[in-house]
Each structure stands twice: as C-alpha cells, then as structure tokens.
Amino acid sequence: MDYLVCPIDAAQLMLIQVRWGVQDRPLMSCPQCSQRFVLARTGTLVRVTDPE
C-alpha cells in the first residue's frame, strides 16, 4: 500500500480521524483527488491499491 500523496489538508484529516475513529479503518474517497483511502492505525491515510 502506498502512503497518501494528495493535497488533502491536515485539519481535514483530523476531522476524518475524529469522525470515524482510527481503529475502524473506514474506506473513504478523497474529495480532492477522488482516490480511495483507509485510515491506518497510525492516523495516516493509506491509499487503497486493490482494484476492488
């Protein structure tokens, strides 16, 4: 899996983290680049590279 490389800002990441919780690992789409991500336990957004 690749780490997030997109212009999403830190404040927005914080809001996502608070809203969904780190452990839940929700699948989400970045509003900036439309790629799909999960939130890793470390709080890092990780791009979903699986074609599913």
PDB file of N, CA and C in Angstrom:
ATOM      1  N   MET A   1       0.841  -1.194   0.000  1.00  0.00           N
ATOM      2  CA  MET A   1       0.000   0.000   0.000  1.00  0.00           C
ATOM      3  C   MET A   1       0.876   1.244   0.000  1.00  0.00           C
ATOM      4  N   ASP A   2       0.422   2.243  -0.707  1.00  0.00           N
ATOM      5  CA  ASP A   2       1.173   3.492  -0.782  1.00  0.00           C
ATOM      6  C   ASP A   2       0.636   4.482   0.245  1.00  0.00           C
ATOM      7  N   TYR A   3       1.527   5.314   0.739  1.00  0.00           N
ATOM      8  CA  TYR A   3       1.073   6.370   1.624  1.00  0.00           C
ATOM      9  C   TYR A   3       0.423   7.488   0.827  1.00  0.00           C
ATOM     10  N   LEU A   4      -0.397   8.232   1.531  1.00  0.00           N
ATOM     11  CA  LEU A   4      -1.148   9.321   0.922  1.00  0.00           C
ATOM     12  C   LEU A   4      -0.236  10.323   0.226  1.00  0.00           C
ATOM     13  N   VAL A   5      -0.527  10.565  -1.038  1.00  0.00           N
ATOM     14  CA  VAL A   5       0.139  11.639  -1.761  1.00  0.00           C
ATOM     15  C   VAL A   5      -0.964  12.410  -2.468  1.00  0.00           C
ATOM     16  N   CYS A   6      -1.504  13.392  -1.814  1.00  0.00           N
ATOM     17  CA  CYS A   6      -2.574  14.203  -2.378  1.00  0.00           C
ATOM     18  C   CYS A   6      -2.724  15.455  -1.526  1.00  0.00           C
ATOM     19  N   PRO A   7      -3.430  16.465  -2.017  1.00  0.00           N
ATOM     20  CA  PRO A   7      -3.449  17.760  -1.331  1.00  0.00           C
ATOM     21  C   PRO A   7      -4.433  17.877  -0.162  1.00  0.00           C
ATOM     22  N   ILE A   8      -4.961  16.739   0.321  1.00  0.00           N
ATOM     23  CA  ILE A   8      -5.859  16.808   1.480  1.00  0.00           C
ATOM     24  C   ILE A   8      -5.119  17.466   2.648  1.00  0.00           C
ATOM     25  N   ASP A   9      -5.802  18.336   3.391  1.00  0.00           N
ATOM     26  CA  ASP A   9      -5.055  19.068   4.411  1.00  0.00           C
ATOM     27  C   ASP A   9      -5.176  18.424   5.787  1.00  0.00           C
ATOM     28  N   ALA A  10      -4.249  18.775   6.653  1.00  0.00           N
ATOM     29  CA  ALA A  10      -4.128  18.124   7.957  1.00  0.00           C
ATOM     30  C   ALA A  10      -5.377  18.305   8.811  1.00  0.00           C
ATOM     31  N   ALA A  11      -5.993  19.477   8.739  1.00  0.00           N
ATOM     32  CA  ALA A  11      -7.204  19.724   9.510  1.00  0.00           C
ATOM     33  C   ALA A  11      -8.330  18.789   9.076  1.00  0.00           C
ATOM     34  N   GLN A  12      -8.436  18.578   7.779  1.00  0.00           N
ATOM     35  CA  GLN A  12      -9.450  17.678   7.258  1.00  0.00           C
ATOM     36  C   GLN A  12      -9.169  16.242   7.688  1.00  0.00           C
ATOM     37  N   LEU A  13      -7.910  15.851   7.677  1.00  0.00           N
ATOM     38  CA  LEU A  13      -7.519  14.528   8.157  1.00  0.00           C
ATOM     39  C   LEU A  13      -7.896  14.353   9.622  1.00  0.00           C
ATOM     40  N   MET A  14      -7.674  15.380  10.430  1.00  0.00           N
ATOM     41  CA  MET A  14      -8.046  15.333  11.841  1.00  0.00           C
ATOM     42  C   MET A  14      -9.543  15.134  12.001  1.00  0.00           C
ATOM     43  N   LEU A  15     -10.332  15.848  11.201  1.00  0.00           N
ATOM     44  CA  LEU A  15     -11.782  15.704  11.262  1.00  0.00           C
ATOM     45  C   LEU A  15     -12.219  14.296  10.886  1.00  0.00           C
ATOM     46  N   ILE A  16     -11.614  13.755   9.837  1.00  0.00           N
ATOM     47  CA  ILE A  16     -11.907  12.383   9.426  1.00  0.00           C
ATOM     48  C   ILE A  16     -11.562  11.416  10.557  1.00  0.00           C
ATOM     49  N   GLN A  17     -10.424  11.641  11.185  1.00  0.00           N
ATOM     50  CA  GLN A  17      -9.959  10.762  12.250  1.00  0.00           C
ATOM     51  C   GLN A  17     -10.917  10.794  13.437  1.00  0.00           C
ATOM     52  N   VAL A  18     -11.362  11.982  13.807  1.00  0.00           N
ATOM     53  CA  VAL A  18     -12.300  12.132  14.915  1.00  0.00           C
ATOM     54  C   VAL A  18     -13.659  11.535  14.562  1.00  0.00           C
ATOM     55  N   ARG A  19     -14.086  11.759  13.342  1.00  0.00           N
ATOM     56  CA  ARG A  19     -15.410  11.319  12.926  1.00  0.00           C
ATOM     57  C   ARG A  19     -15.517   9.803  12.848  1.00  0.00           C
ATOM     58  N   TRP A  20     -14.511   9.161  12.270  1.00  0.00           N
ATOM     59  CA  TRP A  20     -14.606   7.727  12.003  1.00  0.00           C
ATOM     60  C   TRP A  20     -13.900   6.854  13.025  1.00  0.00           C
ATOM     61  N   GLY A  21     -12.910   7.392  13.703  1.00  0.00           N
ATOM     62  CA  GLY A  21     -12.131   6.568  14.622  1.00  0.00           C
ATOM     63  C   GLY A  21     -11.047   5.804  13.879  1.00  0.00           C
ATOM     64  N   VAL A  22      -9.874   5.773  14.467  1.00  0.00           N
ATOM     65  CA  VAL A  22      -8.726   5.193  13.783  1.00  0.00           C
ATOM     66  C   VAL A  22      -8.867   3.683  13.608  1.00  0.00           C
ATOM     67  N   GLN A  23      -9.423   2.998  14.605  1.00  0.00           N
ATOM     68  CA  GLN A  23      -9.471   1.542  14.568  1.00  0.00           C
ATOM     69  C   GLN A  23     -10.463   0.992  13.549  1.00  0.00           C
ATOM     70  N   ASP A  24     -11.437   1.802  13.173  1.00  0.00           N
ATOM     71  CA  ASP A  24     -12.496   1.308  12.294  1.00  0.00           C
ATOM     72  C   ASP A  24     -12.048   1.092  10.858  1.00  0.00           C
ATOM     73  N   ARG A  25     -10.981   1.740  10.485  1.00  0.00           N
ATOM     74  CA  ARG A  25     -10.436   1.618   9.134  1.00  0.00           C
ATOM     75  C   ARG A  25     -11.487   1.831   8.047  1.00  0.00           C
ATOM     76  N   PRO A  26     -12.171   2.947   8.041  1.00  0.00           N
ATOM     77  CA  PRO A  26     -13.215   3.157   7.047  1.00  0.00           C
ATOM     78  C   PRO A  26     -12.620   3.370   5.663  1.00  0.00           C
ATOM     79  N   LEU A  27     -13.369   2.958   4.666  1.00  0.00           N
ATOM     80  CA  LEU A  27     -12.979   3.253   3.296  1.00  0.00           C
ATOM     81  C   LEU A  27     -13.570   4.609   2.938  1.00  0.00           C
ATOM     82  N   MET A  28     -12.769   5.497   2.401  1.00  0.00           N
ATOM     83  CA  MET A  28     -13.254   6.838   2.075  1.00  0.00           C
ATOM     84  C   MET A  28     -12.637   7.309   0.774  1.00  0.00           C
ATOM     85  N   SER A  29     -13.307   8.258   0.147  1.00  0.00           N
ATOM     86  CA  SER A  29     -12.768   8.866  -1.063  1.00  0.00           C
ATOM     87  C   SER A  29     -12.261  10.255  -0.724  1.00  0.00           C
ATOM     88  N   CYS A  30     -11.080  10.568  -1.215  1.00  0.00           N
ATOM     89  CA  CYS A  30     -10.551  11.906  -1.019  1.00  0.00           C
ATOM     90  C   CYS A  30     -11.318  12.879  -1.903  1.00  0.00           C
ATOM     91  N   PRO A  31     -11.850  13.965  -1.329  1.00  0.00           N
ATOM     92  CA  PRO A  31     -12.607  14.937  -2.126  1.00  0.00           C
ATOM     93  C   PRO A  31     -11.734  15.700  -3.115  1.00  0.00           C
ATOM     94  N   GLN A  32     -10.408  15.650  -2.914  1.00  0.00           N
ATOM     95  CA  GLN A  32      -9.505  16.384  -3.784  1.00  0.00           C
ATOM     96  C   GLN A  32      -9.081  15.573  -5.002  1.00  0.00           C
ATOM     97  N   CYS A  33      -8.713  14.311  -4.769  1.00  0.00           N
ATOM     98  CA  CYS A  33      -8.140  13.533  -5.867  1.00  0.00           C
ATOM     99  C   CYS A  33      -8.992  12.321  -6.235  1.00  0.00           C
ATOM    100  N   SER A  34     -10.083  12.073  -5.476  1.00  0.00           N
ATOM    101  CA  SER A  34     -11.043  11.003  -5.756  1.00  0.00           C
ATOM    102  C   SER A  34     -10.462   9.599  -5.627  1.00  0.00           C
ATOM    103  N   GLN A  35      -9.265   9.470  -5.077  1.00  0.00           N
ATOM    104  CA  GLN A  35      -8.735   8.142  -4.805  1.00  0.00           C
ATOM    105  C   GLN A  35      -9.355   7.616  -3.515  1.00  0.00           C
ATOM    106  N   ARG A  36      -9.324   6.299  -3.362  1.00  0.00           N
ATOM    107  CA  ARG A  36      -9.889   5.701  -2.163  1.00  0.00           C
ATOM    108  C   ARG A  36      -8.797   5.431  -1.132  1.00  0.00           C
ATOM    109  N   PHE A  37      -9.145   5.654   0.131  1.00  0.00           N
ATOM    110  CA  PHE A  37      -8.181   5.516   1.215  1.00  0.00           C
ATOM    111  C   PHE A  37      -8.807   4.806   2.401  1.00  0.00           C
ATOM    112  N   VAL A  38      -7.965   4.184   3.202  1.00  0.00           N
ATOM    113  CA  VAL A  38      -8.364   3.776   4.538  1.00  0.00           C
ATOM    114  C   VAL A  38      -7.493   4.528   5.534  1.00  0.00           C
ATOM    115  N   LEU A  39      -8.017   4.718   6.724  1.00  0.00           N
ATOM    116  CA  LEU A  39      -7.257   5.384   7.768  1.00  0.00           C
ATOM    117  C   LEU A  39      -6.520   4.326   8.579  1.00  0.00           C
ATOM    118  N   ALA A  40      -5.206   4.365   8.531  1.00  0.00           N
ATOM    119  CA  ALA A  40      -4.402   3.377   9.249  1.00  0.00           C
ATOM    120  C   ALA A  40      -4.383   3.672  10.747  1.00  0.00           C
ATOM    121  N   ARG A  41      -3.966   2.696  11.519  1.00  0.00           N
ATOM    122  CA  ARG A  41      -3.933   2.845  12.969  1.00  0.00           C
ATOM    123  C   ARG A  41      -3.058   3.997  13.422  1.00  0.00           C
ATOM    124  N   THR A  42      -2.054   4.303  12.641  1.00  0.00           N
ATOM    125  CA  THR A  42      -1.147   5.396  12.977  1.00  0.00           C
ATOM    126  C   THR A  42      -1.766   6.765  12.723  1.00  0.00           C
ATOM    127  N   GLY A  43      -2.941   6.778  12.104  1.00  0.00           N
ATOM    128  CA  GLY A  43      -3.572   8.039  11.758  1.00  0.00           C
ATOM    129  C   GLY A  43      -3.199   8.505  10.367  1.00  0.00           C
ATOM    130  N   THR A  44      -2.453   7.670   9.645  1.00  0.00           N
ATOM    131  CA  THR A  44      -2.055   8.002   8.284  1.00  0.00           C
ATOM    132  C   THR A  44      -3.090   7.483   7.303  1.00  0.00           C
ATOM    133  N   LEU A  45      -3.449   8.301   6.335  1.00  0.00           N
ATOM    134  CA  LEU A  45      -4.316   7.809   5.270  1.00  0.00           C
ATOM    135  C   LEU A  45      -3.493   6.952   4.323  1.00  0.00           C
ATOM    136  N   VAL A  46      -3.998   5.771   4.018  1.00  0.00           N
ATOM    137  CA  VAL A  46      -3.290   4.855   3.140  1.00  0.00           C
ATOM    138  C   VAL A  46      -4.153   4.593   1.915  1.00  0.00           C
ATOM    139  N   ARG A  47      -3.562   4.762   0.748  1.00  0.00           N
ATOM    140  CA  ARG A  47      -4.316   4.584  -0.492  1.00  0.00           C
ATOM    141  C   ARG A  47      -4.672   3.115  -0.694  1.00  0.00           C
ATOM    142  N   VAL A  48      -5.880   2.870  -1.158  1.00  0.00           N
ATOM    143  CA  VAL A  48      -6.306   1.519  -1.496  1.00  0.00           C
ATOM    144  C   VAL A  48      -5.835   1.211  -2.914  1.00  0.00           C
ATOM    145  N   THR A  49      -4.900   0.270  -3.021  1.00  0.00           N
ATOM    146  CA  THR A  49      -4.339  -0.058  -4.329  1.00  0.00           C
ATOM    147  C   THR A  49      -5.012  -1.274  -4.949  1.00  0.00           C
ATOM    148  N   ASP A  50      -5.787  -1.999  -4.161  1.00  0.00           N
ATOM    149  CA  ASP A  50      -6.530  -3.145  -4.666  1.00  0.00           C
ATOM    150  C   ASP A  50      -7.621  -2.656  -5.610  1.00  0.00           C
ATOM    151  N   PRO A  51      -7.723  -3.205  -6.811  1.00  0.00           N
ATOM    152  CA  PRO A  51      -8.711  -2.730  -7.789  1.00  0.00           C
ATOM    153  C   PRO A  51     -10.162  -2.890  -7.336  1.00  0.00           C
ATOM    154  N   GLU A  52     -10.400  -3.725  -6.350  1.00  0.00           N
ATOM    155  CA  GLU A  52     -11.739  -3.811  -5.777  1.00  0.00           C
ATOM    156  C   GLU A  52     -12.003  -2.566  -4.965  1.00  0.00           C
TER     157      GLU A  52
END
